[in-house]
Amino acid sequence: MWTGQWVDFVQEIRWANDSSGYVKVWQNGQLVHERASMKTLFDGFIPGSGSGQCNMYWAVGIYADSDAGLELFTDDIEIWEP
């Protein structure tokens, strides 16, 4: 657990209905998770059409059963496409 310090996370996701998808996560500039050859979209989801079976959105927050003293500060969030 990190307290009293900023932690930088970067995620790179290739959205795909087939096994060409992947996920990479960096923490403070170091690659800490990588998974390749995976589906990253639900069956039936058509990228860019808005007519898929799910309404995708990006969110950040604290997901816990209790909020006893938990605080999360976020700064400089960016979403980009190459």
PDB file of N, CA and C in Angstrom:
ATOM      1  N   MET A   1       0.845  -1.181   0.000  1.00  0.00           N
ATOM      2  CA  MET A   1       0.000   0.000   0.000  1.00  0.00           C
ATOM      3  C   MET A   1       0.882   1.233   0.000  1.00  0.00           C
ATOM      4  N   TRP A   2       0.503   2.212  -0.803  1.00  0.00           N
ATOM      5  CA  TRP A   2       1.257   3.463  -0.859  1.00  0.00           C
ATOM      6  C   TRP A   2       0.500   4.523  -0.084  1.00  0.00           C
ATOM      7  N   THR A   3       1.169   5.185   0.806  1.00  0.00           N
ATOM      8  CA  THR A   3       0.569   6.301   1.513  1.00  0.00           C
ATOM      9  C   THR A   3       1.531   7.475   1.478  1.00  0.00           C
ATOM     10  N   GLY A   4       0.986   8.660   1.347  1.00  0.00           N
ATOM     11  CA  GLY A   4       1.785   9.860   1.390  1.00  0.00           C
ATOM     12  C   GLY A   4       2.690  10.084   0.203  1.00  0.00           C
ATOM     13  N   GLN A   5       2.417   9.402  -0.933  1.00  0.00           N
ATOM     14  CA  GLN A   5       3.253   9.598  -2.114  1.00  0.00           C
ATOM     15  C   GLN A   5       2.421   9.411  -3.377  1.00  0.00           C
ATOM     16  N   TRP A   6       2.868  10.037  -4.451  1.00  0.00           N
ATOM     17  CA  TRP A   6       2.232   9.868  -5.747  1.00  0.00           C
ATOM     18  C   TRP A   6       2.745   8.594  -6.400  1.00  0.00           C
ATOM     19  N   VAL A   7       1.864   7.870  -7.050  1.00  0.00           N
ATOM     20  CA  VAL A   7       2.241   6.669  -7.798  1.00  0.00           C
ATOM     21  C   VAL A   7       1.732   6.866  -9.224  1.00  0.00           C
ATOM     22  N   ASP A   8       2.605   6.683 -10.190  1.00  0.00           N
ATOM     23  CA  ASP A   8       2.270   6.896 -11.592  1.00  0.00           C
ATOM     24  C   ASP A   8       1.939   5.552 -12.243  1.00  0.00           C
ATOM     25  N   PHE A   9       0.736   5.440 -12.806  1.00  0.00           N
ATOM     26  CA  PHE A   9       0.325   4.241 -13.528  1.00  0.00           C
ATOM     27  C   PHE A   9       0.062   4.593 -14.988  1.00  0.00           C
ATOM     28  N   VAL A  10       0.508   3.728 -15.885  1.00  0.00           N
ATOM     29  CA  VAL A  10       0.212   3.845 -17.315  1.00  0.00           C
ATOM     30  C   VAL A  10      -0.308   2.494 -17.769  1.00  0.00           C
ATOM     31  N   GLN A  11      -1.430   2.516 -18.493  1.00  0.00           N
ATOM     32  CA  GLN A  11      -1.999   1.293 -19.054  1.00  0.00           C
ATOM     33  C   GLN A  11      -2.021   1.407 -20.563  1.00  0.00           C
ATOM     34  N   GLU A  12      -1.673   0.326 -21.238  1.00  0.00           N
ATOM     35  CA  GLU A  12      -1.797   0.247 -22.690  1.00  0.00           C
ATOM     36  C   GLU A  12      -2.645  -0.977 -22.986  1.00  0.00           C
ATOM     37  N   ILE A  13      -3.744  -0.767 -23.709  1.00  0.00           N
ATOM     38  CA  ILE A  13      -4.672  -1.856 -24.010  1.00  0.00           C
ATOM     39  C   ILE A  13      -4.949  -1.857 -25.503  1.00  0.00           C
ATOM     40  N   ARG A  14      -4.803  -3.012 -26.110  1.00  0.00           N
ATOM     41  CA  ARG A  14      -5.224  -3.169 -27.508  1.00  0.00           C
ATOM     42  C   ARG A  14      -6.579  -3.850 -27.479  1.00  0.00           C
ATOM     43  N   TRP A  15      -7.622  -3.095 -27.850  1.00  0.00           N
ATOM     44  CA  TRP A  15      -8.976  -3.623 -27.842  1.00  0.00           C
ATOM     45  C   TRP A  15      -9.158  -4.542 -29.049  1.00  0.00           C
ATOM     46  N   ALA A  16      -9.618  -5.772 -28.803  1.00  0.00           N
ATOM     47  CA  ALA A  16      -9.776  -6.737 -29.897  1.00  0.00           C
ATOM     48  C   ALA A  16     -10.818  -7.793 -29.536  1.00  0.00           C
ATOM     49  N   ASN A  17     -11.573  -8.224 -30.548  1.00  0.00           N
ATOM     50  CA  ASN A  17     -12.547  -9.310 -30.380  1.00  0.00           C
ATOM     51  C   ASN A  17     -11.898 -10.679 -30.520  1.00  0.00           C
ATOM     52  N   ASP A  18     -10.612 -10.714 -30.841  1.00  0.00           N
ATOM     53  CA  ASP A  18      -9.919 -11.984 -31.032  1.00  0.00           C
ATOM     54  C   ASP A  18      -8.665 -12.009 -30.152  1.00  0.00           C
ATOM     55  N   SER A  19      -7.793 -12.952 -30.399  1.00  0.00           N
ATOM     56  CA  SER A  19      -6.628 -13.125 -29.540  1.00  0.00           C
ATOM     57  C   SER A  19      -5.490 -12.143 -29.833  1.00  0.00           C
ATOM     58  N   SER A  20      -5.756 -11.103 -30.620  1.00  0.00           N
ATOM     59  CA  SER A  20      -4.710 -10.111 -30.893  1.00  0.00           C
ATOM     60  C   SER A  20      -4.664  -9.004 -29.839  1.00  0.00           C
ATOM     61  N   GLY A  21      -5.544  -9.069 -28.847  1.00  0.00           N
ATOM     62  CA  GLY A  21      -5.557  -8.053 -27.801  1.00  0.00           C
ATOM     63  C   GLY A  21      -4.471  -8.262 -26.765  1.00  0.00           C
ATOM     64  N   TYR A  22      -4.158  -7.192 -26.051  1.00  0.00           N
ATOM     65  CA  TYR A  22      -3.180  -7.289 -24.961  1.00  0.00           C
ATOM     66  C   TYR A  22      -3.388  -6.177 -23.946  1.00  0.00           C
ATOM     67  N   VAL A  23      -2.786  -6.357 -22.780  1.00  0.00           N
ATOM     68  CA  VAL A  23      -2.820  -5.366 -21.705  1.00  0.00           C
ATOM     69  C   VAL A  23      -1.413  -5.252 -21.136  1.00  0.00           C
ATOM     70  N   LYS A  24      -0.952  -4.016 -20.947  1.00  0.00           N
ATOM     71  CA  LYS A  24       0.328  -3.748 -20.297  1.00  0.00           C
ATOM     72  C   LYS A  24       0.099  -2.666 -19.245  1.00  0.00           C
ATOM     73  N   VAL A  25       0.741  -2.815 -18.093  1.00  0.00           N
ATOM     74  CA  VAL A  25       0.621  -1.831 -17.012  1.00  0.00           C
ATOM     75  C   VAL A  25       2.008  -1.489 -16.491  1.00  0.00           C
ATOM     76  N   TRP A  26       2.282  -0.187 -16.443  1.00  0.00           N
ATOM     77  CA  TRP A  26       3.530   0.310 -15.873  1.00  0.00           C
ATOM     78  C   TRP A  26       3.237   1.036 -14.572  1.00  0.00           C
ATOM     79  N   GLN A  27       4.100   0.852 -13.586  1.00  0.00           N
ATOM     80  CA  GLN A  27       4.001   1.565 -12.307  1.00  0.00           C
ATOM     81  C   GLN A  27       5.318   2.306 -12.111  1.00  0.00           C
ATOM     82  N   ASN A  28       5.227   3.610 -12.020  1.00  0.00           N
ATOM     83  CA  ASN A  28       6.411   4.459 -11.871  1.00  0.00           C
ATOM     84  C   ASN A  28       7.479   4.128 -12.916  1.00  0.00           C
ATOM     85  N   GLY A  29       7.034   3.904 -14.166  1.00  0.00           N
ATOM     86  CA  GLY A  29       7.945   3.667 -15.272  1.00  0.00           C
ATOM     87  C   GLY A  29       8.428   2.241 -15.447  1.00  0.00           C
ATOM     88  N   GLN A  30       8.044   1.335 -14.557  1.00  0.00           N
ATOM     89  CA  GLN A  30       8.480  -0.059 -14.642  1.00  0.00           C
ATOM     90  C   GLN A  30       7.300  -0.940 -15.052  1.00  0.00           C
ATOM     91  N   LEU A  31       7.501  -1.775 -16.076  1.00  0.00           N
ATOM     92  CA  LEU A  31       6.449  -2.698 -16.512  1.00  0.00           C
ATOM     93  C   LEU A  31       6.186  -3.711 -15.404  1.00  0.00           C
ATOM     94  N   VAL A  32       4.950  -3.713 -14.863  1.00  0.00           N
ATOM     95  CA  VAL A  32       4.625  -4.600 -13.742  1.00  0.00           C
ATOM     96  C   VAL A  32       3.613  -5.678 -14.115  1.00  0.00           C
ATOM     97  N   HIS A  33       2.944  -5.522 -15.264  1.00  0.00           N
ATOM     98  CA  HIS A  33       1.991  -6.550 -15.699  1.00  0.00           C
ATOM     99  C   HIS A  33       1.903  -6.516 -17.215  1.00  0.00           C
ATOM    100  N   GLU A  34       1.901  -7.702 -17.805  1.00  0.00           N
ATOM    101  CA  GLU A  34       1.737  -7.811 -19.252  1.00  0.00           C
ATOM    102  C   GLU A  34       1.025  -9.110 -19.563  1.00  0.00           C
ATOM    103  N   ARG A  35      -0.015  -9.013 -20.367  1.00  0.00           N
ATOM    104  CA  ARG A  35      -0.726 -10.206 -20.812  1.00  0.00           C
ATOM    105  C   ARG A  35      -1.060 -10.025 -22.283  1.00  0.00           C
ATOM    106  N   ALA A  36      -0.677 -10.996 -23.089  1.00  0.00           N
ATOM    107  CA  ALA A  36      -0.860 -10.909 -24.534  1.00  0.00           C
ATOM    108  C   ALA A  36      -1.750 -12.038 -25.028  1.00  0.00           C
ATOM    109  N   SER A  37      -2.093 -11.981 -26.296  1.00  0.00           N
ATOM    110  CA  SER A  37      -2.891 -13.022 -26.969  1.00  0.00           C
ATOM    111  C   SER A  37      -4.201 -13.255 -26.246  1.00  0.00           C
ATOM    112  N   MET A  38      -4.954 -12.187 -26.049  1.00  0.00           N
ATOM    113  CA  MET A  38      -6.220 -12.316 -25.324  1.00  0.00           C
ATOM    114  C   MET A  38      -7.292 -11.421 -25.935  1.00  0.00           C
ATOM    115  N   LYS A  39      -8.543 -11.824 -25.749  1.00  0.00           N
ATOM    116  CA  LYS A  39      -9.673 -10.986 -26.133  1.00  0.00           C
ATOM    117  C   LYS A  39      -9.820  -9.896 -25.081  1.00  0.00           C
ATOM    118  N   THR A  40     -10.005  -8.665 -25.519  1.00  0.00           N
ATOM    119  CA  THR A  40     -10.210  -7.554 -24.587  1.00  0.00           C
ATOM    120  C   THR A  40     -11.573  -6.905 -24.791  1.00  0.00           C
ATOM    121  N   LEU A  41     -12.383  -7.471 -25.669  1.00  0.00           N
ATOM    122  CA  LEU A  41     -13.748  -7.004 -25.893  1.00  0.00           C
ATOM    123  C   LEU A  41     -14.706  -8.175 -25.774  1.00  0.00           C
ATOM    124  N   PHE A  42     -15.938  -7.891 -25.394  1.00  0.00           N
ATOM    125  CA  PHE A  42     -16.967  -8.913 -25.302  1.00  0.00           C
ATOM    126  C   PHE A  42     -17.348  -9.412 -26.691  1.00  0.00           C
ATOM    127  N   ASP A  43     -17.815 -10.655 -26.768  1.00  0.00           N
ATOM    128  CA  ASP A  43     -18.352 -11.174 -28.025  1.00  0.00           C
ATOM    129  C   ASP A  43     -19.488 -10.262 -28.472  1.00  0.00           C
ATOM    130  N   GLY A  44     -19.549  -9.970 -29.745  1.00  0.00           N
ATOM    131  CA  GLY A  44     -20.626  -9.138 -30.271  1.00  0.00           C
ATOM    132  C   GLY A  44     -20.343  -7.653 -30.217  1.00  0.00           C
ATOM    133  N   PHE A  45     -19.289  -7.238 -29.549  1.00  0.00           N
ATOM    134  CA  PHE A  45     -18.972  -5.815 -29.487  1.00  0.00           C
ATOM    135  C   PHE A  45     -18.286  -5.409 -30.781  1.00  0.00           C
ATOM    136  N   ILE A  46     -18.790  -4.365 -31.406  1.00  0.00           N
ATOM    137  CA  ILE A  46     -18.222  -3.883 -32.664  1.00  0.00           C
ATOM    138  C   ILE A  46     -17.541  -2.550 -32.380  1.00  0.00           C
ATOM    139  N   PRO A  47     -16.209  -2.529 -32.357  1.00  0.00           N
ATOM    140  CA  PRO A  47     -15.491  -1.296 -32.022  1.00  0.00           C
ATOM    141  C   PRO A  47     -15.868  -0.138 -32.935  1.00  0.00           C
ATOM    142  N   GLY A  48     -16.096   1.023 -32.347  1.00  0.00           N
ATOM    143  CA  GLY A  48     -16.361   2.239 -33.104  1.00  0.00           C
ATOM    144  C   GLY A  48     -17.774   2.390 -33.621  1.00  0.00           C
ATOM    145  N   SER A  49     -18.610   1.368 -33.489  1.00  0.00           N
ATOM    146  CA  SER A  49     -19.953   1.461 -34.067  1.00  0.00           C
ATOM    147  C   SER A  49     -20.985   1.944 -33.051  1.00  0.00           C
ATOM    148  N   GLY A  50     -20.709   1.757 -31.779  1.00  0.00           N
ATOM    149  CA  GLY A  50     -21.702   2.112 -30.768  1.00  0.00           C
ATOM    150  C   GLY A  50     -22.854   1.134 -30.699  1.00  0.00           C
ATOM    151  N   SER A  51     -22.812   0.070 -31.502  1.00  0.00           N
ATOM    152  CA  SER A  51     -23.919  -0.877 -31.525  1.00  0.00           C
ATOM    153  C   SER A  51     -23.565  -2.201 -30.855  1.00  0.00           C
ATOM    154  N   GLY A  52     -22.496  -2.216 -30.083  1.00  0.00           N
ATOM    155  CA  GLY A  52     -22.111  -3.443 -29.405  1.00  0.00           C
ATOM    156  C   GLY A  52     -23.044  -3.775 -28.255  1.00  0.00           C
ATOM    157  N   GLN A  53     -22.769  -4.878 -27.598  1.00  0.00           N
ATOM    158  CA  GLN A  53     -23.633  -5.344 -26.521  1.00  0.00           C
ATOM    159  C   GLN A  53     -23.288  -4.727 -25.170  1.00  0.00           C
ATOM    160  N   CYS A  54     -22.242  -3.928 -25.118  1.00  0.00           N
ATOM    161  CA  CYS A  54     -21.905  -3.308 -23.840  1.00  0.00           C
ATOM    162  C   CYS A  54     -21.619  -1.833 -24.052  1.00  0.00           C
ATOM    163  N   ASN A  55     -21.817  -1.058 -23.026  1.00  0.00           N
ATOM    164  CA  ASN A  55     -21.541   0.364 -23.066  1.00  0.00           C
ATOM    165  C   ASN A  55     -20.260   0.584 -22.285  1.00  0.00           C
ATOM    166  N   MET A  56     -19.128   0.624 -22.972  1.00  0.00           N
ATOM    167  CA  MET A  56     -17.835   0.713 -22.303  1.00  0.00           C
ATOM    168  C   MET A  56     -17.569   2.138 -21.836  1.00  0.00           C
ATOM    169  N   TYR A  57     -16.946   2.250 -20.682  1.00  0.00           N
ATOM    170  CA  TYR A  57     -16.497   3.536 -20.178  1.00  0.00           C
ATOM    171  C   TYR A  57     -15.296   3.305 -19.287  1.00  0.00           C
ATOM    172  N   TRP A  58     -14.513   4.342 -19.079  1.00  0.00           N
ATOM    173  CA  TRP A  58     -13.331   4.256 -18.239  1.00  0.00           C
ATOM    174  C   TRP A  58     -13.616   4.971 -16.932  1.00  0.00           C
ATOM    175  N   ALA A  59     -13.197   4.367 -15.826  1.00  0.00           N
ATOM    176  CA  ALA A  59     -13.455   4.975 -14.521  1.00  0.00           C
ATOM    177  C   ALA A  59     -12.290   4.682 -13.589  1.00  0.00           C
ATOM    178  N   VAL A  60     -12.097   5.537 -12.627  1.00  0.00           N
ATOM    179  CA  VAL A  60     -11.076   5.334 -11.609  1.00  0.00           C
ATOM    180  C   VAL A  60     -11.705   5.679 -10.265  1.00  0.00           C
ATOM    181  N   GLY A  61     -11.345   4.917  -9.232  1.00  0.00           N
ATOM    182  CA  GLY A  61     -11.904   5.175  -7.919  1.00  0.00           C
ATOM    183  C   GLY A  61     -11.470   4.120  -6.927  1.00  0.00           C
ATOM    184  N   ILE A  62     -12.074   4.172  -5.760  1.00  0.00           N
ATOM    185  CA  ILE A  62     -11.811   3.182  -4.718  1.00  0.00           C
ATOM    186  C   ILE A  62     -12.969   2.197  -4.727  1.00  0.00           C
ATOM    187  N   TYR A  63     -12.660   0.943  -4.952  1.00  0.00           N
ATOM    188  CA  TYR A  63     -13.673  -0.105  -4.982  1.00  0.00           C
ATOM    189  C   TYR A  63     -13.432  -0.997  -3.771  1.00  0.00           C
ATOM    190  N   ALA A  64     -14.117  -0.712  -2.675  1.00  0.00           N
ATOM    191  CA  ALA A  64     -13.916  -1.440  -1.426  1.00  0.00           C
ATOM    192  C   ALA A  64     -15.236  -1.523  -0.683  1.00  0.00           C
ATOM    193  N   ASP A  65     -15.341  -2.504   0.214  1.00  0.00           N
ATOM    194  CA  ASP A  65     -16.548  -2.662   1.017  1.00  0.00           C
ATOM    195  C   ASP A  65     -16.698  -1.557   2.048  1.00  0.00           C
ATOM    196  N   SER A  66     -15.607  -0.951   2.440  1.00  0.00           N
ATOM    197  CA  SER A  66     -15.644   0.080   3.471  1.00  0.00           C
ATOM    198  C   SER A  66     -14.795   1.259   3.028  1.00  0.00           C
ATOM    199  N   ASP A  67     -15.230   2.451   3.350  1.00  0.00           N
ATOM    200  CA  ASP A  67     -14.444   3.635   3.014  1.00  0.00           C
ATOM    201  C   ASP A  67     -13.765   4.207   4.261  1.00  0.00           C
ATOM    202  N   ALA A  68     -13.500   3.358   5.246  1.00  0.00           N
ATOM    203  CA  ALA A  68     -12.914   3.790   6.522  1.00  0.00           C
ATOM    204  C   ALA A  68     -11.561   4.471   6.310  1.00  0.00           C
ATOM    205  N   GLY A  69     -11.594   5.776   6.143  1.00  0.00           N
ATOM    206  CA  GLY A  69     -10.371   6.540   6.044  1.00  0.00           C
ATOM    207  C   GLY A  69      -9.654   6.452   4.715  1.00  0.00           C
ATOM    208  N   LEU A  70     -10.275   5.869   3.707  1.00  0.00           N
ATOM    209  CA  LEU A  70      -9.614   5.737   2.413  1.00  0.00           C
ATOM    210  C   LEU A  70      -9.766   7.028   1.609  1.00  0.00           C
ATOM    211  N   GLU A  71      -8.673   7.473   1.011  1.00  0.00           N
ATOM    212  CA  GLU A  71      -8.699   8.636   0.134  1.00  0.00           C
ATOM    213  C   GLU A  71      -7.901   8.324  -1.125  1.00  0.00           C
ATOM    214  N   LEU A  72      -8.364   8.821  -2.237  1.00  0.00           N
ATOM    215  CA  LEU A  72      -7.667   8.648  -3.498  1.00  0.00           C
ATOM    216  C   LEU A  72      -7.622  10.000  -4.192  1.00  0.00           C
ATOM    217  N   PHE A  73      -6.430  10.443  -4.515  1.00  0.00           N
ATOM    218  CA  PHE A  73      -6.247  11.685  -5.243  1.00  0.00           C
ATOM    219  C   PHE A  73      -5.766  11.331  -6.641  1.00  0.00           C
ATOM    220  N   THR A  74      -6.393  11.891  -7.657  1.00  0.00           N
ATOM    221  CA  THR A  74      -5.973  11.640  -9.033  1.00  0.00           C
ATOM    222  C   THR A  74      -5.588  12.957  -9.690  1.00  0.00           C
ATOM    223  N   ASP A  75      -4.649  12.876 -10.614  1.00  0.00           N
ATOM    224  CA  ASP A  75      -4.165  14.075 -11.282  1.00  0.00           C
ATOM    225  C   ASP A  75      -3.642  13.689 -12.663  1.00  0.00           C
ATOM    226  N   ASP A  76      -3.817  14.567 -13.615  1.00  0.00           N
ATOM    227  CA  ASP A  76      -3.221  14.424 -14.939  1.00  0.00           C
ATOM    228  C   ASP A  76      -3.630  13.125 -15.633  1.00  0.00           C
ATOM    229  N   ILE A  77      -4.933  12.871 -15.699  1.00  0.00           N
ATOM    230  CA  ILE A  77      -5.452  11.679 -16.376  1.00  0.00           C
ATOM    231  C   ILE A  77      -5.598  11.989 -17.856  1.00  0.00           C
ATOM    232  N   GLU A  78      -5.091  11.104 -18.696  1.00  0.00           N
ATOM    233  CA  GLU A  78      -5.183  11.264 -20.147  1.00  0.00           C
ATOM    234  C   GLU A  78      -5.655   9.963 -20.784  1.00  0.00           C
ATOM    235  N   ILE A  79      -6.460  10.077 -21.801  1.00  0.00           N
ATOM    236  CA  ILE A  79      -6.855   8.944 -22.625  1.00  0.00           C
ATOM    237  C   ILE A  79      -6.498   9.313 -24.052  1.00  0.00           C
ATOM    238  N   TRP A  80      -5.745   8.469 -24.730  1.00  0.00           N
ATOM    239  CA  TRP A  80      -5.310   8.797 -26.084  1.00  0.00           C
ATOM    240  C   TRP A  80      -5.314   7.579 -26.969  1.00  0.00           C
ATOM    241  N   GLU A  81      -5.365   7.840 -28.246  1.00  0.00           N
ATOM    242  CA  GLU A  81      -5.251   6.790 -29.251  1.00  0.00           C
ATOM    243  C   GLU A  81      -4.094   7.130 -30.154  1.00  0.00           C
ATOM    244  N   PRO A  82      -3.275   6.130 -30.519  1.00  0.00           N
ATOM    245  CA  PRO A  82      -2.142   6.417 -31.409  1.00  0.00           C
ATOM    246  C   PRO A  82      -2.590   6.796 -32.802  1.00  0.00           C
TER     247      PRO A  82
END
